[in-house]
Amino acid sequence: MTRTQWIIRVLNDSSNTDISIANKDWLRKNVEKLQINVDIHDCLINVFDIAEDWNKNGTILIQNGTAIHFKGDFNPLKEALLISKYSKSSPYEVYLYSPKQFENIE
């Protein structure tokens, strides 16, 4: 299993569903190039996490396989990937936003 396949599998398992085909394609094209990692114990995020990391240097938000550049373009009803780099020397980490995970939270 390649690193890309493993990352996709971890994200699928974390949300108990398959991530979107467009987001899988984006990962296939970029995991090796950007050296993206995933933490199997901490890879789900919510809209508050996205808002907090939005304008941080080294953050990429992917929705429908495309980078989102403006807050108004983000749709909280659709799955997203947050790709974050916390320092120059650290690798990118990928997090999954899945609206289905948070729709029943009161």
C-alpha atoms as a PDB file:
ATOM      1  CA  MET A   1       0.000   0.000   0.000  1.00  0.00           C
ATOM      2  CA  THR A   2       1.390   3.404  -0.951  1.00  0.00           C
ATOM      3  CA  ARG A   3       1.461   6.351   1.436  1.00  0.00           C
ATOM      4  CA  THR A   4      -1.292   8.031  -0.592  1.00  0.00           C
ATOM      5  CA  GLN A   5      -3.515   4.946  -0.364  1.00  0.00           C
ATOM      6  CA  TRP A   6      -2.857   4.704   3.365  1.00  0.00           C
ATOM      7  CA  ILE A   7      -3.805   8.371   3.949  1.00  0.00           C
ATOM      8  CA  ILE A   8      -7.033   7.950   1.976  1.00  0.00           C
ATOM      9  CA  ARG A   9      -7.818   4.799   3.955  1.00  0.00           C
ATOM     10  CA  VAL A  10      -7.222   6.560   7.296  1.00  0.00           C
ATOM     11  CA  LEU A  11      -9.529   9.422   6.271  1.00  0.00           C
ATOM     12  CA  ASN A  12     -12.199   6.986   5.072  1.00  0.00           C
ATOM     13  CA  ASP A  13     -11.989   4.989   8.297  1.00  0.00           C
ATOM     14  CA  SER A  14     -12.113   8.095  10.487  1.00  0.00           C
ATOM     15  CA  SER A  15     -15.401   9.221   8.969  1.00  0.00           C
ATOM     16  CA  ASN A  16     -16.846   5.724   8.401  1.00  0.00           C
ATOM     17  CA  THR A  17     -17.494   6.654   4.780  1.00  0.00           C
ATOM     18  CA  ASP A  18     -15.609   7.178   1.536  1.00  0.00           C
ATOM     19  CA  ILE A  19     -14.241  10.654   1.011  1.00  0.00           C
ATOM     20  CA  SER A  20     -15.318  12.290  -2.240  1.00  0.00           C
ATOM     21  CA  ILE A  21     -13.740  11.212  -5.508  1.00  0.00           C
ATOM     22  CA  ALA A  22     -12.588  14.788  -6.239  1.00  0.00           C
ATOM     23  CA  ASN A  23     -10.795  15.027  -2.881  1.00  0.00           C
ATOM     24  CA  LYS A  24      -9.234  11.576  -3.376  1.00  0.00           C
ATOM     25  CA  ASP A  25      -7.945  12.714  -6.767  1.00  0.00           C
ATOM     26  CA  TRP A  26      -6.457  15.846  -5.200  1.00  0.00           C
ATOM     27  CA  LEU A  27      -4.701  13.701  -2.594  1.00  0.00           C
ATOM     28  CA  ARG A  28      -3.382  11.311  -5.254  1.00  0.00           C
ATOM     29  CA  LYS A  29      -1.813  14.252  -7.086  1.00  0.00           C
ATOM     30  CA  ASN A  30      -0.405  16.018  -4.030  1.00  0.00           C
ATOM     31  CA  VAL A  31       0.464  13.672  -1.140  1.00  0.00           C
ATOM     32  CA  GLU A  32       3.942  12.832  -2.410  1.00  0.00           C
ATOM     33  CA  LYS A  33       4.627  16.270  -3.893  1.00  0.00           C
ATOM     34  CA  LEU A  34       3.759  18.113  -0.657  1.00  0.00           C
ATOM     35  CA  GLN A  35       4.883  15.272   1.641  1.00  0.00           C
ATOM     36  CA  ILE A  36       1.507  15.180   3.407  1.00  0.00           C
ATOM     37  CA  ASN A  37       1.039  13.101   6.556  1.00  0.00           C
ATOM     38  CA  VAL A  38      -2.006  12.104   8.589  1.00  0.00           C
ATOM     39  CA  ASP A  39      -2.411  11.385  12.298  1.00  0.00           C
ATOM     40  CA  ILE A  40      -4.628   8.325  12.679  1.00  0.00           C
ATOM     41  CA  HIS A  41      -5.728   9.514  16.133  1.00  0.00           C
ATOM     42  CA  ASP A  42      -6.478  13.123  15.224  1.00  0.00           C
ATOM     43  CA  CYS A  43      -7.594  13.705  11.649  1.00  0.00           C
ATOM     44  CA  LEU A  44     -11.160  15.008  11.961  1.00  0.00           C
ATOM     45  CA  ILE A  45     -11.928  18.709  12.234  1.00  0.00           C
ATOM     46  CA  ASN A  46     -15.000  20.918  12.488  1.00  0.00           C
ATOM     47  CA  VAL A  47     -15.889  24.314  11.024  1.00  0.00           C
ATOM     48  CA  PHE A  48     -14.390  26.087  14.035  1.00  0.00           C
ATOM     49  CA  ASP A  49     -11.009  24.466  13.313  1.00  0.00           C
ATOM     50  CA  ILE A  50     -11.246  25.584   9.685  1.00  0.00           C
ATOM     51  CA  ALA A  51     -12.088  29.158  10.732  1.00  0.00           C
ATOM     52  CA  GLU A  52      -9.173  29.196  13.182  1.00  0.00           C
ATOM     53  CA  ASP A  53      -6.615  28.002  10.615  1.00  0.00           C
ATOM     54  CA  TRP A  54      -8.068  29.829   7.600  1.00  0.00           C
ATOM     55  CA  ASN A  55      -5.472  32.527   6.996  1.00  0.00           C
ATOM     56  CA  LYS A  56      -2.470  30.849   8.578  1.00  0.00           C
ATOM     57  CA  ASN A  57       0.591  30.632   6.398  1.00  0.00           C
ATOM     58  CA  GLY A  58       0.986  27.082   5.084  1.00  0.00           C
ATOM     59  CA  THR A  59      -2.732  26.222   5.154  1.00  0.00           C
ATOM     60  CA  ILE A  60      -4.619  24.893   2.147  1.00  0.00           C
ATOM     61  CA  LEU A  61      -8.363  24.208   2.174  1.00  0.00           C
ATOM     62  CA  ILE A  62      -9.607  21.747  -0.448  1.00  0.00           C
ATOM     63  CA  GLN A  63     -13.256  21.254  -1.364  1.00  0.00           C
ATOM     64  CA  ASN A  64     -14.460  19.332  -4.418  1.00  0.00           C
ATOM     65  CA  GLY A  65     -10.809  18.721  -5.305  1.00  0.00           C
ATOM     66  CA  THR A  66     -10.063  22.453  -5.603  1.00  0.00           C
ATOM     67  CA  ALA A  67      -8.286  24.910  -3.324  1.00  0.00           C
ATOM     68  CA  ILE A  68     -10.627  27.404  -1.661  1.00  0.00           C
ATOM     69  CA  HIS A  69      -9.140  30.904  -1.500  1.00  0.00           C
ATOM     70  CA  PHE A  70     -12.038  32.992  -0.157  1.00  0.00           C
ATOM     71  CA  LYS A  71     -14.096  32.295   2.968  1.00  0.00           C
ATOM     72  CA  GLY A  72     -17.300  32.885   1.037  1.00  0.00           C
ATOM     73  CA  ASP A  73     -16.453  30.003  -1.303  1.00  0.00           C
ATOM     74  CA  PHE A  74     -16.350  27.454   1.537  1.00  0.00           C
ATOM     75  CA  ASN A  75     -19.544  25.391   1.787  1.00  0.00           C
ATOM     76  CA  PRO A  76     -19.994  23.967   5.322  1.00  0.00           C
ATOM     77  CA  LEU A  77     -22.444  21.387   3.964  1.00  0.00           C
ATOM     78  CA  LYS A  78     -19.728  19.692   1.891  1.00  0.00           C
ATOM     79  CA  GLU A  79     -16.685  17.673   2.806  1.00  0.00           C
ATOM     80  CA  ALA A  80     -13.325  19.450   2.902  1.00  0.00           C
ATOM     81  CA  LEU A  81      -9.670  18.699   3.488  1.00  0.00           C
ATOM     82  CA  LEU A  82      -7.571  21.059   5.569  1.00  0.00           C
ATOM     83  CA  ILE A  83      -3.875  20.791   4.781  1.00  0.00           C
ATOM     84  CA  SER A  84      -1.752  22.547   7.412  1.00  0.00           C
ATOM     85  CA  LYS A  85       1.930  23.126   7.953  1.00  0.00           C
ATOM     86  CA  TYR A  86       2.651  24.345  11.464  1.00  0.00           C
ATOM     87  CA  SER A  87       6.276  25.379  10.947  1.00  0.00           C
ATOM     88  CA  LYS A  88       8.755  25.642   8.076  1.00  0.00           C
ATOM     89  CA  SER A  89      10.431  22.399   9.069  1.00  0.00           C
ATOM     90  CA  SER A  90       7.285  20.393   9.812  1.00  0.00           C
ATOM     91  CA  PRO A  91       5.470  18.307   7.199  1.00  0.00           C
ATOM     92  CA  TYR A  92       1.962  19.077   6.019  1.00  0.00           C
ATOM     93  CA  GLU A  93      -0.821  17.323   7.931  1.00  0.00           C
ATOM     94  CA  VAL A  94      -4.216  16.530   6.405  1.00  0.00           C
ATOM     95  CA  TYR A  95      -7.494  16.787   8.319  1.00  0.00           C
ATOM     96  CA  LEU A  96     -10.970  15.818   7.152  1.00  0.00           C
ATOM     97  CA  TYR A  97     -14.034  17.970   7.607  1.00  0.00           C
ATOM     98  CA  SER A  98     -17.111  15.835   7.150  1.00  0.00           C
ATOM     99  CA  PRO A  99     -20.426  17.602   7.793  1.00  0.00           C
ATOM    100  CA  LYS A 100     -22.038  14.207   8.461  1.00  0.00           C
ATOM    101  CA  GLN A 101     -19.780  13.747  11.495  1.00  0.00           C
ATOM    102  CA  PHE A 102     -21.068  16.928  13.126  1.00  0.00           C
ATOM    103  CA  GLU A 103     -24.700  17.216  12.025  1.00  0.00           C
ATOM    104  CA  ASN A 104     -26.117  15.572  15.169  1.00  0.00           C
ATOM    105  CA  ILE A 105     -24.049  17.555  17.667  1.00  0.00           C
ATOM    106  CA  GLU A 106     -26.168  19.854  19.818  1.00  0.00           C
END
